[in-house]
Amino acid sequence: MSFGRPPSINIGFKPSAPDRGSFPLDHYGECKDKMLVYMQCLKENSSNSTPCRALSKDYLNCRMQKGLMERDDWSNLGLHNVDGRKMEKSENQSKKT
């Protein structure tokens, strides 16, 4: 009987990269402010997330810049037709009225 490590660790265990769509947690809060704004938008627009698409793009862009996820085409993420500046301006104007 052995009370050491499980046999799988001793016999050629090789770590593998995470599956596509999973990425490291933001342990240092590098994109936390963008995530909080995005989550607040989702909460306010629970029945329609369209107004939050620019914030989603901003958040994902932060994650890509900080190395928290692999850089990918916006078209693969479903955000190729989102212009963050235009949507943020229109969202700010709608809040004022």
PDB file of N, CA and C in Angstrom:
ATOM      1  N   MET A   1       0.826  -1.188   0.000  1.00  0.00           N
ATOM      2  CA  MET A   1       0.000   0.000   0.000  1.00  0.00           C
ATOM      3  C   MET A   1       0.865   1.244   0.000  1.00  0.00           C
ATOM      4  N   SER A   2       0.512   2.184  -0.837  1.00  0.00           N
ATOM      5  CA  SER A   2       1.271   3.427  -0.913  1.00  0.00           C
ATOM      6  C   SER A   2       0.380   4.599  -0.520  1.00  0.00           C
ATOM      7  N   PHE A   3       0.926   5.448   0.324  1.00  0.00           N
ATOM      8  CA  PHE A   3       0.171   6.635   0.729  1.00  0.00           C
ATOM      9  C   PHE A   3       0.770   7.896   0.112  1.00  0.00           C
ATOM     10  N   GLY A   4       1.510   7.747  -0.947  1.00  0.00           N
ATOM     11  CA  GLY A   4       2.142   8.871  -1.641  1.00  0.00           C
ATOM     12  C   GLY A   4       1.184   9.511  -2.626  1.00  0.00           C
ATOM     13  N   ARG A   5       1.733  10.013  -3.671  1.00  0.00           N
ATOM     14  CA  ARG A   5       0.936  10.658  -4.717  1.00  0.00           C
ATOM     15  C   ARG A   5       0.084   9.646  -5.461  1.00  0.00           C
ATOM     16  N   PRO A   6      -1.015  10.123  -6.038  1.00  0.00           N
ATOM     17  CA  PRO A   6      -1.805   9.224  -6.889  1.00  0.00           C
ATOM     18  C   PRO A   6      -0.967   8.771  -8.084  1.00  0.00           C
ATOM     19  N   PRO A   7      -1.188   7.567  -8.567  1.00  0.00           N
ATOM     20  CA  PRO A   7      -0.359   7.037  -9.651  1.00  0.00           C
ATOM     21  C   PRO A   7      -0.371   7.883 -10.913  1.00  0.00           C
ATOM     22  N   SER A   8      -1.448   8.596 -11.206  1.00  0.00           N
ATOM     23  CA  SER A   8      -1.515   9.380 -12.448  1.00  0.00           C
ATOM     24  C   SER A   8      -0.472  10.487 -12.475  1.00  0.00           C
ATOM     25  N   ILE A   9      -0.072  10.987 -11.331  1.00  0.00           N
ATOM     26  CA  ILE A   9       0.922  12.055 -11.292  1.00  0.00           C
ATOM     27  C   ILE A   9       2.319  11.497 -11.558  1.00  0.00           C
ATOM     28  N   ASN A  10       2.567  10.317 -11.078  1.00  0.00           N
ATOM     29  CA  ASN A  10       3.891   9.713 -11.239  1.00  0.00           C
ATOM     30  C   ASN A  10       4.135   9.195 -12.651  1.00  0.00           C
ATOM     31  N   ILE A  11       3.085   8.876 -13.367  1.00  0.00           N
ATOM     32  CA  ILE A  11       3.234   8.256 -14.685  1.00  0.00           C
ATOM     33  C   ILE A  11       2.891   9.253 -15.782  1.00  0.00           C
ATOM     34  N   GLY A  12       3.834  10.058 -16.168  1.00  0.00           N
ATOM     35  CA  GLY A  12       3.722  10.924 -17.331  1.00  0.00           C
ATOM     36  C   GLY A  12       2.546  11.877 -17.370  1.00  0.00           C
ATOM     37  N   PHE A  13       2.215  12.518 -16.304  1.00  0.00           N
ATOM     38  CA  PHE A  13       1.137  13.515 -16.320  1.00  0.00           C
ATOM     39  C   PHE A  13       1.591  14.737 -17.098  1.00  0.00           C
ATOM     40  N   LYS A  14       0.790  15.161 -18.082  1.00  0.00           N
ATOM     41  CA  LYS A  14       1.120  16.343 -18.885  1.00  0.00           C
ATOM     42  C   LYS A  14      -0.040  17.324 -18.821  1.00  0.00           C
ATOM     43  N   PRO A  15       0.206  18.543 -18.342  1.00  0.00           N
ATOM     44  CA  PRO A  15      -0.869  19.530 -18.322  1.00  0.00           C
ATOM     45  C   PRO A  15      -1.210  19.956 -19.746  1.00  0.00           C
ATOM     46  N   SER A  16      -2.460  20.333 -19.948  1.00  0.00           N
ATOM     47  CA  SER A  16      -2.879  20.777 -21.276  1.00  0.00           C
ATOM     48  C   SER A  16      -3.510  22.161 -21.180  1.00  0.00           C
ATOM     49  N   ALA A  17      -3.524  22.850 -22.285  1.00  0.00           N
ATOM     50  CA  ALA A  17      -4.119  24.183 -22.336  1.00  0.00           C
ATOM     51  C   ALA A  17      -5.621  24.081 -22.122  1.00  0.00           C
ATOM     52  N   PRO A  18      -6.239  25.149 -21.583  1.00  0.00           N
ATOM     53  CA  PRO A  18      -7.692  25.110 -21.392  1.00  0.00           C
ATOM     54  C   PRO A  18      -8.433  25.063 -22.712  1.00  0.00           C
ATOM     55  N   ASP A  19      -9.643  24.564 -22.682  1.00  0.00           N
ATOM     56  CA  ASP A  19     -10.483  24.518 -23.875  1.00  0.00           C
ATOM     57  C   ASP A  19     -10.797  25.927 -24.346  1.00  0.00           C
ATOM     58  N   ARG A  20     -11.108  26.037 -25.616  1.00  0.00           N
ATOM     59  CA  ARG A  20     -11.492  27.327 -26.173  1.00  0.00           C
ATOM     60  C   ARG A  20     -12.729  27.829 -25.427  1.00  0.00           C
ATOM     61  N   GLY A  21     -12.705  29.087 -25.054  1.00  0.00           N
ATOM     62  CA  GLY A  21     -13.827  29.669 -24.330  1.00  0.00           C
ATOM     63  C   GLY A  21     -13.564  29.764 -22.839  1.00  0.00           C
ATOM     64  N   SER A  22     -12.552  29.073 -22.348  1.00  0.00           N
ATOM     65  CA  SER A  22     -12.201  29.226 -20.941  1.00  0.00           C
ATOM     66  C   SER A  22     -10.892  30.006 -20.872  1.00  0.00           C
ATOM     67  N   PHE A  23     -10.777  30.830 -19.881  1.00  0.00           N
ATOM     68  CA  PHE A  23      -9.599  31.676 -19.766  1.00  0.00           C
ATOM     69  C   PHE A  23      -9.322  31.947 -18.295  1.00  0.00           C
ATOM     70  N   PRO A  24      -8.116  32.390 -17.975  1.00  0.00           N
ATOM     71  CA  PRO A  24      -7.741  32.588 -16.574  1.00  0.00           C
ATOM     72  C   PRO A  24      -8.599  33.646 -15.879  1.00  0.00           C
ATOM     73  N   LEU A  25      -8.777  33.447 -14.597  1.00  0.00           N
ATOM     74  CA  LEU A  25      -9.482  34.440 -13.800  1.00  0.00           C
ATOM     75  C   LEU A  25      -8.625  35.696 -13.681  1.00  0.00           C
ATOM     76  N   ASP A  26      -9.267  36.800 -13.465  1.00  0.00           N
ATOM     77  CA  ASP A  26      -8.596  38.086 -13.332  1.00  0.00           C
ATOM     78  C   ASP A  26      -8.241  38.291 -11.853  1.00  0.00           C
ATOM     79  N   HIS A  27      -7.233  37.550 -11.383  1.00  0.00           N
ATOM     80  CA  HIS A  27      -6.879  37.549  -9.963  1.00  0.00           C
ATOM     81  C   HIS A  27      -6.464  38.930  -9.455  1.00  0.00           C
ATOM     82  N   TYR A  28      -5.868  39.742 -10.308  1.00  0.00           N
ATOM     83  CA  TYR A  28      -5.375  41.050  -9.875  1.00  0.00           C
ATOM     84  C   TYR A  28      -6.360  42.175 -10.176  1.00  0.00           C
ATOM     85  N   GLY A  29      -7.523  41.860 -10.680  1.00  0.00           N
ATOM     86  CA  GLY A  29      -8.555  42.854 -10.943  1.00  0.00           C
ATOM     87  C   GLY A  29      -8.188  43.853 -12.022  1.00  0.00           C
ATOM     88  N   GLU A  30      -7.416  43.411 -13.002  1.00  0.00           N
ATOM     89  CA  GLU A  30      -6.956  44.319 -14.058  1.00  0.00           C
ATOM     90  C   GLU A  30      -8.105  44.843 -14.914  1.00  0.00           C
ATOM     91  N   CYS A  31      -9.156  44.072 -15.061  1.00  0.00           N
ATOM     92  CA  CYS A  31     -10.297  44.484 -15.878  1.00  0.00           C
ATOM     93  C   CYS A  31     -11.582  44.541 -15.049  1.00  0.00           C
ATOM     94  N   LYS A  32     -11.439  44.603 -13.745  1.00  0.00           N
ATOM     95  CA  LYS A  32     -12.594  44.544 -12.863  1.00  0.00           C
ATOM     96  C   LYS A  32     -13.547  45.714 -13.076  1.00  0.00           C
ATOM     97  N   ASP A  33     -13.011  46.928 -13.266  1.00  0.00           N
ATOM     98  CA  ASP A  33     -13.877  48.088 -13.461  1.00  0.00           C
ATOM     99  C   ASP A  33     -14.746  47.941 -14.702  1.00  0.00           C
ATOM    100  N   LYS A  34     -14.167  47.440 -15.777  1.00  0.00           N
ATOM    101  CA  LYS A  34     -14.925  47.242 -17.022  1.00  0.00           C
ATOM    102  C   LYS A  34     -15.963  46.127 -16.844  1.00  0.00           C
ATOM    103  N   MET A  35     -15.601  45.095 -16.101  1.00  0.00           N
ATOM    104  CA  MET A  35     -16.523  43.997 -15.848  1.00  0.00           C
ATOM    105  C   MET A  35     -17.710  44.472 -15.017  1.00  0.00           C
ATOM    106  N   LEU A  36     -17.455  45.310 -14.011  1.00  0.00           N
ATOM    107  CA  LEU A  36     -18.544  45.798 -13.156  1.00  0.00           C
ATOM    108  C   LEU A  36     -19.521  46.678 -13.939  1.00  0.00           C
ATOM    109  N   VAL A  37     -18.996  47.527 -14.812  1.00  0.00           N
ATOM    110  CA  VAL A  37     -19.860  48.373 -15.647  1.00  0.00           C
ATOM    111  C   VAL A  37     -20.704  47.501 -16.567  1.00  0.00           C
ATOM    112  N   TYR A  38     -20.080  46.488 -17.160  1.00  0.00           N
ATOM    113  CA  TYR A  38     -20.787  45.564 -18.054  1.00  0.00           C
ATOM    114  C   TYR A  38     -21.875  44.793 -17.296  1.00  0.00           C
ATOM    115  N   MET A  39     -21.551  44.289 -16.123  1.00  0.00           N
ATOM    116  CA  MET A  39     -22.521  43.529 -15.331  1.00  0.00           C
ATOM    117  C   MET A  39     -23.683  44.415 -14.878  1.00  0.00           C
ATOM    118  N   GLN A  40     -23.393  45.675 -14.542  1.00  0.00           N
ATOM    119  CA  GLN A  40     -24.458  46.601 -14.152  1.00  0.00           C
ATOM    120  C   GLN A  40     -25.392  46.859 -15.333  1.00  0.00           C
ATOM    121  N   CYS A  41     -24.816  46.998 -16.517  1.00  0.00           N
ATOM    122  CA  CYS A  41     -25.628  47.189 -17.718  1.00  0.00           C
ATOM    123  C   CYS A  41     -26.526  45.973 -17.952  1.00  0.00           C
ATOM    124  N   LEU A  42     -25.982  44.779 -17.792  1.00  0.00           N
ATOM    125  CA  LEU A  42     -26.786  43.570 -17.976  1.00  0.00           C
ATOM    126  C   LEU A  42     -27.920  43.503 -16.958  1.00  0.00           C
ATOM    127  N   LYS A  43     -27.646  43.939 -15.743  1.00  0.00           N
ATOM    128  CA  LYS A  43     -28.675  43.917 -14.699  1.00  0.00           C
ATOM    129  C   LYS A  43     -29.792  44.908 -15.030  1.00  0.00           C
ATOM    130  N   GLU A  44     -29.415  46.094 -15.520  1.00  0.00           N
ATOM    131  CA  GLU A  44     -30.400  47.124 -15.857  1.00  0.00           C
ATOM    132  C   GLU A  44     -31.207  46.768 -17.099  1.00  0.00           C
ATOM    133  N   ASN A  45     -30.608  45.977 -17.982  1.00  0.00           N
ATOM    134  CA  ASN A  45     -31.260  45.601 -19.246  1.00  0.00           C
ATOM    135  C   ASN A  45     -31.460  44.093 -19.302  1.00  0.00           C
ATOM    136  N   SER A  46     -32.098  43.538 -18.305  1.00  0.00           N
ATOM    137  CA  SER A  46     -32.201  42.082 -18.198  1.00  0.00           C
ATOM    138  C   SER A  46     -32.961  41.436 -19.348  1.00  0.00           C
ATOM    139  N   SER A  47     -33.874  42.172 -19.959  1.00  0.00           N
ATOM    140  CA  SER A  47     -34.642  41.575 -21.048  1.00  0.00           C
ATOM    141  C   SER A  47     -34.033  41.833 -22.428  1.00  0.00           C
ATOM    142  N   ASN A  48     -33.042  42.743 -22.503  1.00  0.00           N
ATOM    143  CA  ASN A  48     -32.434  43.084 -23.786  1.00  0.00           C
ATOM    144  C   ASN A  48     -30.979  43.480 -23.547  1.00  0.00           C
ATOM    145  N   SER A  49     -30.052  42.621 -23.925  1.00  0.00           N
ATOM    146  CA  SER A  49     -28.638  42.901 -23.679  1.00  0.00           C
ATOM    147  C   SER A  49     -27.973  43.719 -24.782  1.00  0.00           C
ATOM    148  N   THR A  50     -28.714  44.086 -25.813  1.00  0.00           N
ATOM    149  CA  THR A  50     -28.147  44.834 -26.936  1.00  0.00           C
ATOM    150  C   THR A  50     -27.442  46.125 -26.504  1.00  0.00           C
ATOM    151  N   PRO A  51     -28.001  46.906 -25.576  1.00  0.00           N
ATOM    152  CA  PRO A  51     -27.297  48.137 -25.176  1.00  0.00           C
ATOM    153  C   PRO A  51     -25.936  47.871 -24.514  1.00  0.00           C
ATOM    154  N   CYS A  52     -25.675  46.659 -24.118  1.00  0.00           N
ATOM    155  CA  CYS A  52     -24.445  46.331 -23.393  1.00  0.00           C
ATOM    156  C   CYS A  52     -23.349  45.772 -24.295  1.00  0.00           C
ATOM    157  N   ARG A  53     -23.619  45.647 -25.574  1.00  0.00           N
ATOM    158  CA  ARG A  53     -22.642  45.026 -26.478  1.00  0.00           C
ATOM    159  C   ARG A  53     -21.332  45.789 -26.548  1.00  0.00           C
ATOM    160  N   ALA A  54     -21.378  47.110 -26.544  1.00  0.00           N
ATOM    161  CA  ALA A  54     -20.141  47.905 -26.586  1.00  0.00           C
ATOM    162  C   ALA A  54     -19.337  47.696 -25.313  1.00  0.00           C
ATOM    163  N   LEU A  55     -20.031  47.572 -24.189  1.00  0.00           N
ATOM    164  CA  LEU A  55     -19.343  47.336 -22.921  1.00  0.00           C
ATOM    165  C   LEU A  55     -18.719  45.941 -22.900  1.00  0.00           C
ATOM    166  N   SER A  56     -19.400  44.992 -23.514  1.00  0.00           N
ATOM    167  CA  SER A  56     -18.860  43.644 -23.627  1.00  0.00           C
ATOM    168  C   SER A  56     -17.578  43.658 -24.450  1.00  0.00           C
ATOM    169  N   LYS A  57     -17.606  44.385 -25.546  1.00  0.00           N
ATOM    170  CA  LYS A  57     -16.432  44.486 -26.409  1.00  0.00           C
ATOM    171  C   LYS A  57     -15.283  45.163 -25.669  1.00  0.00           C
ATOM    172  N   ASP A  58     -15.582  46.194 -24.903  1.00  0.00           N
ATOM    173  CA  ASP A  58     -14.570  46.901 -24.126  1.00  0.00           C
ATOM    174  C   ASP A  58     -13.946  45.973 -23.086  1.00  0.00           C
ATOM    175  N   TYR A  59     -14.781  45.195 -22.409  1.00  0.00           N
ATOM    176  CA  TYR A  59     -14.305  44.256 -21.393  1.00  0.00           C
ATOM    177  C   TYR A  59     -13.423  43.175 -22.012  1.00  0.00           C
ATOM    178  N   LEU A  60     -13.877  42.584 -23.110  1.00  0.00           N
ATOM    179  CA  LEU A  60     -13.090  41.537 -23.763  1.00  0.00           C
ATOM    180  C   LEU A  60     -11.782  42.086 -24.325  1.00  0.00           C
ATOM    181  N   ASN A  61     -11.819  43.312 -24.816  1.00  0.00           N
ATOM    182  CA  ASN A  61     -10.602  43.944 -25.314  1.00  0.00           C
ATOM    183  C   ASN A  61      -9.590  44.125 -24.182  1.00  0.00           C
ATOM    184  N   CYS A  62     -10.069  44.524 -23.024  1.00  0.00           N
ATOM    185  CA  CYS A  62      -9.190  44.654 -21.856  1.00  0.00           C
ATOM    186  C   CYS A  62      -8.551  43.305 -21.531  1.00  0.00           C
ATOM    187  N   ARG A  63      -9.354  42.242 -21.524  1.00  0.00           N
ATOM    188  CA  ARG A  63      -8.836  40.909 -21.209  1.00  0.00           C
ATOM    189  C   ARG A  63      -7.779  40.473 -22.225  1.00  0.00           C
ATOM    190  N   MET A  64      -8.009  40.788 -23.507  1.00  0.00           N
ATOM    191  CA  MET A  64      -7.040  40.417 -24.533  1.00  0.00           C
ATOM    192  C   MET A  64      -5.748  41.211 -24.371  1.00  0.00           C
ATOM    193  N   GLN A  65      -5.859  42.496 -24.069  1.00  0.00           N
ATOM    194  CA  GLN A  65      -4.671  43.332 -23.905  1.00  0.00           C
ATOM    195  C   GLN A  65      -3.839  42.917 -22.700  1.00  0.00           C
ATOM    196  N   LYS A  66      -4.482  42.451 -21.651  1.00  0.00           N
ATOM    197  CA  LYS A  66      -3.783  42.071 -20.421  1.00  0.00           C
ATOM    198  C   LYS A  66      -3.326  40.616 -20.437  1.00  0.00           C
ATOM    199  N   GLY A  67      -3.593  39.899 -21.515  1.00  0.00           N
ATOM    200  CA  GLY A  67      -3.168  38.511 -21.624  1.00  0.00           C
ATOM    201  C   GLY A  67      -4.030  37.542 -20.826  1.00  0.00           C
ATOM    202  N   LEU A  68      -5.253  37.958 -20.501  1.00  0.00           N
ATOM    203  CA  LEU A  68      -6.157  37.091 -19.743  1.00  0.00           C
ATOM    204  C   LEU A  68      -6.986  36.196 -20.655  1.00  0.00           C
ATOM    205  N   MET A  69      -6.896  36.445 -21.931  1.00  0.00           N
ATOM    206  CA  MET A  69      -7.504  35.562 -22.915  1.00  0.00           C
ATOM    207  C   MET A  69      -6.761  35.755 -24.230  1.00  0.00           C
ATOM    208  N   GLU A  70      -6.834  34.763 -25.073  1.00  0.00           N
ATOM    209  CA  GLU A  70      -6.142  34.815 -26.351  1.00  0.00           C
ATOM    210  C   GLU A  70      -6.832  35.820 -27.271  1.00  0.00           C
ATOM    211  N   ARG A  71      -6.047  36.589 -28.002  1.00  0.00           N
ATOM    212  CA  ARG A  71      -6.613  37.551 -28.941  1.00  0.00           C
ATOM    213  C   ARG A  71      -7.369  36.799 -30.028  1.00  0.00           C
ATOM    214  N   ASP A  72      -8.543  37.303 -30.358  1.00  0.00           N
ATOM    215  CA  ASP A  72      -9.388  36.654 -31.358  1.00  0.00           C
ATOM    216  C   ASP A  72     -10.064  37.726 -32.195  1.00  0.00           C
ATOM    217  N   ASP A  73     -10.512  37.342 -33.371  1.00  0.00           N
ATOM    218  CA  ASP A  73     -11.247  38.255 -34.254  1.00  0.00           C
ATOM    219  C   ASP A  73     -12.578  38.624 -33.617  1.00  0.00           C
ATOM    220  N   TRP A  74     -12.970  39.884 -33.773  1.00  0.00           N
ATOM    221  CA  TRP A  74     -14.265  40.312 -33.228  1.00  0.00           C
ATOM    222  C   TRP A  74     -15.407  39.555 -33.891  1.00  0.00           C
ATOM    223  N   SER A  75     -15.220  39.171 -35.153  1.00  0.00           N
ATOM    224  CA  SER A  75     -16.289  38.420 -35.833  1.00  0.00           C
ATOM    225  C   SER A  75     -16.490  37.051 -35.178  1.00  0.00           C
ATOM    226  N   ASN A  76     -15.422  36.446 -34.676  1.00  0.00           N
ATOM    227  CA  ASN A  76     -15.548  35.163 -33.975  1.00  0.00           C
ATOM    228  C   ASN A  76     -16.266  35.320 -32.635  1.00  0.00           C
ATOM    229  N   LEU A  77     -16.196  36.518 -32.075  1.00  0.00           N
ATOM    230  CA  LEU A  77     -16.833  36.786 -30.783  1.00  0.00           C
ATOM    231  C   LEU A  77     -18.229  37.389 -30.954  1.00  0.00           C
ATOM    232  N   GLY A  78     -18.646  37.577 -32.206  1.00  0.00           N
ATOM    233  CA  GLY A  78     -19.972  38.131 -32.470  1.00  0.00           C
ATOM    234  C   GLY A  78     -20.062  39.625 -32.244  1.00  0.00           C
ATOM    235  N   LEU A  79     -18.916  40.310 -32.260  1.00  0.00           N
ATOM    236  CA  LEU A  79     -18.906  41.748 -31.978  1.00  0.00           C
ATOM    237  C   LEU A  79     -18.256  42.562 -33.091  1.00  0.00           C
ATOM    238  N   HIS A  80     -18.189  42.008 -34.293  1.00  0.00           N
ATOM    239  CA  HIS A  80     -17.515  42.696 -35.392  1.00  0.00           C
ATOM    240  C   HIS A  80     -18.238  43.972 -35.840  1.00  0.00           C
ATOM    241  N   ASN A  81     -19.547  44.053 -35.636  1.00  0.00           N
ATOM    242  CA  ASN A  81     -20.299  45.226 -36.084  1.00  0.00           C
ATOM    243  C   ASN A  81     -20.594  46.204 -34.944  1.00  0.00           C
ATOM    244  N   VAL A  82     -19.909  46.051 -33.817  1.00  0.00           N
ATOM    245  CA  VAL A  82     -20.139  46.922 -32.668  1.00  0.00           C
ATOM    246  C   VAL A  82     -19.055  47.983 -32.625  1.00  0.00           C
ATOM    247  N   ASP A  83     -19.489  49.229 -32.645  1.00  0.00           N
ATOM    248  CA  ASP A  83     -18.561  50.343 -32.486  1.00  0.00           C
ATOM    249  C   ASP A  83     -18.756  50.880 -31.076  1.00  0.00           C
ATOM    250  N   GLY A  84     -17.824  50.621 -30.211  1.00  0.00           N
ATOM    251  CA  GLY A  84     -17.940  50.984 -28.806  1.00  0.00           C
ATOM    252  C   GLY A  84     -18.224  52.452 -28.572  1.00  0.00           C
ATOM    253  N   ARG A  85     -17.562  53.333 -29.297  1.00  0.00           N
ATOM    254  CA  ARG A  85     -17.732  54.779 -29.073  1.00  0.00           C
ATOM    255  C   ARG A  85     -19.154  55.217 -29.401  1.00  0.00           C
ATOM    256  N   LYS A  86     -19.691  54.749 -30.518  1.00  0.00           N
ATOM    257  CA  LYS A  86     -21.046  55.151 -30.913  1.00  0.00           C
ATOM    258  C   LYS A  86     -22.080  54.657 -29.913  1.00  0.00           C
ATOM    259  N   MET A  87     -21.949  53.406 -29.493  1.00  0.00           N
ATOM    260  CA  MET A  87     -22.933  52.836 -28.580  1.00  0.00           C
ATOM    261  C   MET A  87     -22.872  53.500 -27.212  1.00  0.00           C
ATOM    262  N   GLU A  88     -21.659  53.812 -26.716  1.00  0.00           N
ATOM    263  CA  GLU A  88     -21.533  54.465 -25.421  1.00  0.00           C
ATOM    264  C   GLU A  88     -22.155  55.853 -25.464  1.00  0.00           C
ATOM    265  N   LYS A  89     -21.938  56.590 -26.578  1.00  0.00           N
ATOM    266  CA  LYS A  89     -22.519  57.930 -26.706  1.00  0.00           C
ATOM    267  C   LYS A  89     -24.037  57.861 -26.717  1.00  0.00           C
ATOM    268  N   SER A  90     -24.580  56.929 -27.496  1.00  0.00           N
ATOM    269  CA  SER A  90     -26.031  56.832 -27.576  1.00  0.00           C
ATOM    270  C   SER A  90     -26.627  56.377 -26.237  1.00  0.00           C
ATOM    271  N   GLU A  91     -25.891  55.521 -25.537  1.00  0.00           N
ATOM    272  CA  GLU A  91     -26.363  55.058 -24.230  1.00  0.00           C
ATOM    273  C   GLU A  91     -26.354  56.204 -23.215  1.00  0.00           C
ATOM    274  N   ASN A  92     -25.291  57.013 -23.238  1.00  0.00           N
ATOM    275  CA  ASN A  92     -25.215  58.158 -22.323  1.00  0.00           C
ATOM    276  C   ASN A  92     -26.303  59.179 -22.620  1.00  0.00           C
ATOM    277  N   GLN A  93     -26.615  59.389 -23.896  1.00  0.00           N
ATOM    278  CA  GLN A  93     -27.670  60.328 -24.266  1.00  0.00           C
ATOM    279  C   GLN A  93     -29.036  59.832 -23.821  1.00  0.00           C
ATOM    280  N   SER A  94     -29.268  58.523 -23.933  1.00  0.00           N
ATOM    281  CA  SER A  94     -30.568  57.983 -23.541  1.00  0.00           C
ATOM    282  C   SER A  94     -30.761  58.050 -22.027  1.00  0.00           C
ATOM    283  N   LYS A  95     -29.672  57.993 -21.261  1.00  0.00           N
ATOM    284  CA  LYS A  95     -29.769  58.111 -19.807  1.00  0.00           C
ATOM    285  C   LYS A  95     -30.082  59.531 -19.396  1.00  0.00           C
ATOM    286  N   LYS A  96     -29.634  60.524 -20.183  1.00  0.00           N
ATOM    287  CA  LYS A  96     -29.861  61.931 -19.858  1.00  0.00           C
ATOM    288  C   LYS A  96     -31.313  62.330 -20.068  1.00  0.00           C
ATOM    289  N   THR A  97     -31.967  61.687 -21.031  1.00  0.00           N
ATOM    290  CA  THR A  97     -33.360  62.081 -21.347  1.00  0.00           C
ATOM    291  C   THR A  97     -34.358  61.373 -20.493  1.00  0.00           C
TER     292      THR A  97
END
